[in-house]
């Protein structure tokens, strides 16, 4: 399975994509994780025509938009189906 986020229209200052560390719960109670302060999520820059693919179990979000223009994002969840001898496997 995959998540696809395709940015169709991104005005300036409309916020970036944020990915949360999937191991965040393992770092709970520590002040730093491998030299990086806790709470520092990965901020991925977005622009028009940029496409991101990522695993559906990753927590993600978007920074607050500081633009009055609309941002258009096409999000799709993809799942594969394998067909073997006329039987479907998901």
C-alpha atoms as a PDB file:
ATOM      1  CA  UNK A   1       0.000   0.000   0.000  1.00  0.00           C
ATOM      2  CA  UNK A   2       1.086   3.554  -0.730  1.00  0.00           C
ATOM      3  CA  UNK A   3      -0.192   7.079  -0.220  1.00  0.00           C
ATOM      4  CA  UNK A   4       0.260   9.544  -3.071  1.00  0.00           C
ATOM      5  CA  UNK A   5       0.116  13.300  -2.458  1.00  0.00           C
ATOM      6  CA  UNK A   6       0.234  15.292  -5.711  1.00  0.00           C
ATOM      7  CA  UNK A   7       0.405  19.057  -5.299  1.00  0.00           C
ATOM      8  CA  UNK A   8      -1.568  20.588  -8.172  1.00  0.00           C
ATOM      9  CA  UNK A   9      -1.514  24.240  -7.069  1.00  0.00           C
ATOM     10  CA  UNK A  10       0.671  25.570  -4.270  1.00  0.00           C
ATOM     11  CA  UNK A  11       0.616  29.322  -3.618  1.00  0.00           C
ATOM     12  CA  UNK A  12       3.491  30.863  -1.622  1.00  0.00           C
ATOM     13  CA  UNK A  13       3.270  30.502   2.183  1.00  0.00           C
ATOM     14  CA  UNK A  14       0.588  27.806   2.023  1.00  0.00           C
ATOM     15  CA  UNK A  15       2.460  25.344   4.263  1.00  0.00           C
ATOM     16  CA  UNK A  16       4.669  22.296   3.755  1.00  0.00           C
ATOM     17  CA  UNK A  17       4.132  18.571   4.299  1.00  0.00           C
ATOM     18  CA  UNK A  18       5.112  17.274   7.748  1.00  0.00           C
ATOM     19  CA  UNK A  19       6.116  13.664   8.407  1.00  0.00           C
ATOM     20  CA  UNK A  20       6.256  12.330  11.949  1.00  0.00           C
ATOM     21  CA  UNK A  21       9.069   9.967  12.923  1.00  0.00           C
ATOM     22  CA  UNK A  22       7.524   6.453  12.947  1.00  0.00           C
ATOM     23  CA  UNK A  23       9.718   5.581  15.954  1.00  0.00           C
ATOM     24  CA  UNK A  24       8.572   8.569  18.026  1.00  0.00           C
ATOM     25  CA  UNK A  25       7.165   6.314  20.743  1.00  0.00           C
ATOM     26  CA  UNK A  26      10.541   4.625  21.207  1.00  0.00           C
ATOM     27  CA  UNK A  27      12.136   7.992  21.942  1.00  0.00           C
ATOM     28  CA  UNK A  28       9.542   8.945  24.577  1.00  0.00           C
ATOM     29  CA  UNK A  29      11.171  10.067  27.802  1.00  0.00           C
ATOM     30  CA  UNK A  30      14.441  11.102  26.166  1.00  0.00           C
ATOM     31  CA  UNK A  31      15.494  14.698  25.628  1.00  0.00           C
ATOM     32  CA  UNK A  32      17.186  14.047  22.305  1.00  0.00           C
ATOM     33  CA  UNK A  33      17.178  11.294  19.719  1.00  0.00           C
ATOM     34  CA  UNK A  34      20.456  10.781  17.913  1.00  0.00           C
ATOM     35  CA  UNK A  35      21.410  14.454  18.368  1.00  0.00           C
ATOM     36  CA  UNK A  36      18.066  15.865  17.168  1.00  0.00           C
ATOM     37  CA  UNK A  37      15.728  17.545  19.703  1.00  0.00           C
ATOM     38  CA  UNK A  38      12.477  15.674  20.264  1.00  0.00           C
ATOM     39  CA  UNK A  39       9.435  17.052  18.494  1.00  0.00           C
ATOM     40  CA  UNK A  40      11.485  17.816  15.386  1.00  0.00           C
ATOM     41  CA  UNK A  41       9.455  16.280  12.607  1.00  0.00           C
ATOM     42  CA  UNK A  42      10.578  16.097   8.983  1.00  0.00           C
ATOM     43  CA  UNK A  43       9.286  19.095   7.016  1.00  0.00           C
ATOM     44  CA  UNK A  44       9.116  18.376   3.293  1.00  0.00           C
ATOM     45  CA  UNK A  45       8.902  21.366   0.937  1.00  0.00           C
ATOM     46  CA  UNK A  46       5.988  21.394  -1.475  1.00  0.00           C
ATOM     47  CA  UNK A  47       5.495  23.231  -4.737  1.00  0.00           C
ATOM     48  CA  UNK A  48       3.200  22.980  -7.726  1.00  0.00           C
ATOM     49  CA  UNK A  49       3.620  19.644  -9.583  1.00  0.00           C
ATOM     50  CA  UNK A  50       5.535  17.999  -6.721  1.00  0.00           C
ATOM     51  CA  UNK A  51       4.458  14.421  -5.874  1.00  0.00           C
ATOM     52  CA  UNK A  52       5.254  12.450  -2.711  1.00  0.00           C
ATOM     53  CA  UNK A  53       4.812   8.699  -2.205  1.00  0.00           C
ATOM     54  CA  UNK A  54       4.908   7.317   1.333  1.00  0.00           C
ATOM     55  CA  UNK A  55       3.744   4.429   3.489  1.00  0.00           C
ATOM     56  CA  UNK A  56       0.188   4.776   4.846  1.00  0.00           C
ATOM     57  CA  UNK A  57       1.243   4.047   8.441  1.00  0.00           C
ATOM     58  CA  UNK A  58       3.335   7.247   8.633  1.00  0.00           C
ATOM     59  CA  UNK A  59       1.609  10.007  10.555  1.00  0.00           C
ATOM     60  CA  UNK A  60       1.614  13.165   8.482  1.00  0.00           C
ATOM     61  CA  UNK A  61       0.072  16.596   8.314  1.00  0.00           C
ATOM     62  CA  UNK A  62       0.469  20.053   6.833  1.00  0.00           C
ATOM     63  CA  UNK A  63       1.819  23.292   8.198  1.00  0.00           C
ATOM     64  CA  UNK A  64      -0.699  26.081   8.688  1.00  0.00           C
ATOM     65  CA  UNK A  65      -1.386  28.019   5.503  1.00  0.00           C
ATOM     66  CA  UNK A  66      -0.567  31.711   5.648  1.00  0.00           C
ATOM     67  CA  UNK A  67      -1.968  32.344   2.178  1.00  0.00           C
ATOM     68  CA  UNK A  68      -5.414  33.537   1.150  1.00  0.00           C
ATOM     69  CA  UNK A  69      -5.208  31.518  -2.083  1.00  0.00           C
ATOM     70  CA  UNK A  70      -6.431  27.921  -2.386  1.00  0.00           C
ATOM     71  CA  UNK A  71      -3.960  25.035  -2.291  1.00  0.00           C
ATOM     72  CA  UNK A  72      -4.972  22.001  -4.359  1.00  0.00           C
ATOM     73  CA  UNK A  73      -3.672  18.554  -3.398  1.00  0.00           C
ATOM     74  CA  UNK A  74      -4.758  15.264  -4.924  1.00  0.00           C
ATOM     75  CA  UNK A  75      -4.373  12.490  -2.332  1.00  0.00           C
ATOM     76  CA  UNK A  76      -4.763   8.836  -3.217  1.00  0.00           C
ATOM     77  CA  UNK A  77      -4.412   5.629  -1.202  1.00  0.00           C
ATOM     78  CA  UNK A  78      -3.136   2.806  -3.398  1.00  0.00           C
ATOM     79  CA  UNK A  79      -3.519  -0.848  -2.533  1.00  0.00           C
ATOM     80  CA  UNK A  80      -2.367  -3.779  -4.603  1.00  0.00           C
ATOM     81  CA  UNK A  81      -4.319  -6.905  -5.402  1.00  0.00           C
ATOM     82  CA  UNK A  82      -2.457  -9.979  -6.566  1.00  0.00           C
ATOM     83  CA  UNK A  83      -4.352 -12.394  -8.780  1.00  0.00           C
ATOM     84  CA  UNK A  84      -3.105 -15.967  -8.917  1.00  0.00           C
ATOM     85  CA  UNK A  85      -5.097 -18.730 -10.617  1.00  0.00           C
ATOM     86  CA  UNK A  86      -8.227 -16.534 -10.652  1.00  0.00           C
ATOM     87  CA  UNK A  87      -8.031 -15.966  -6.856  1.00  0.00           C
ATOM     88  CA  UNK A  88      -7.506 -12.491  -5.419  1.00  0.00           C
ATOM     89  CA  UNK A  89      -5.019 -11.876  -2.596  1.00  0.00           C
ATOM     90  CA  UNK A  90      -4.935  -8.541  -0.808  1.00  0.00           C
END
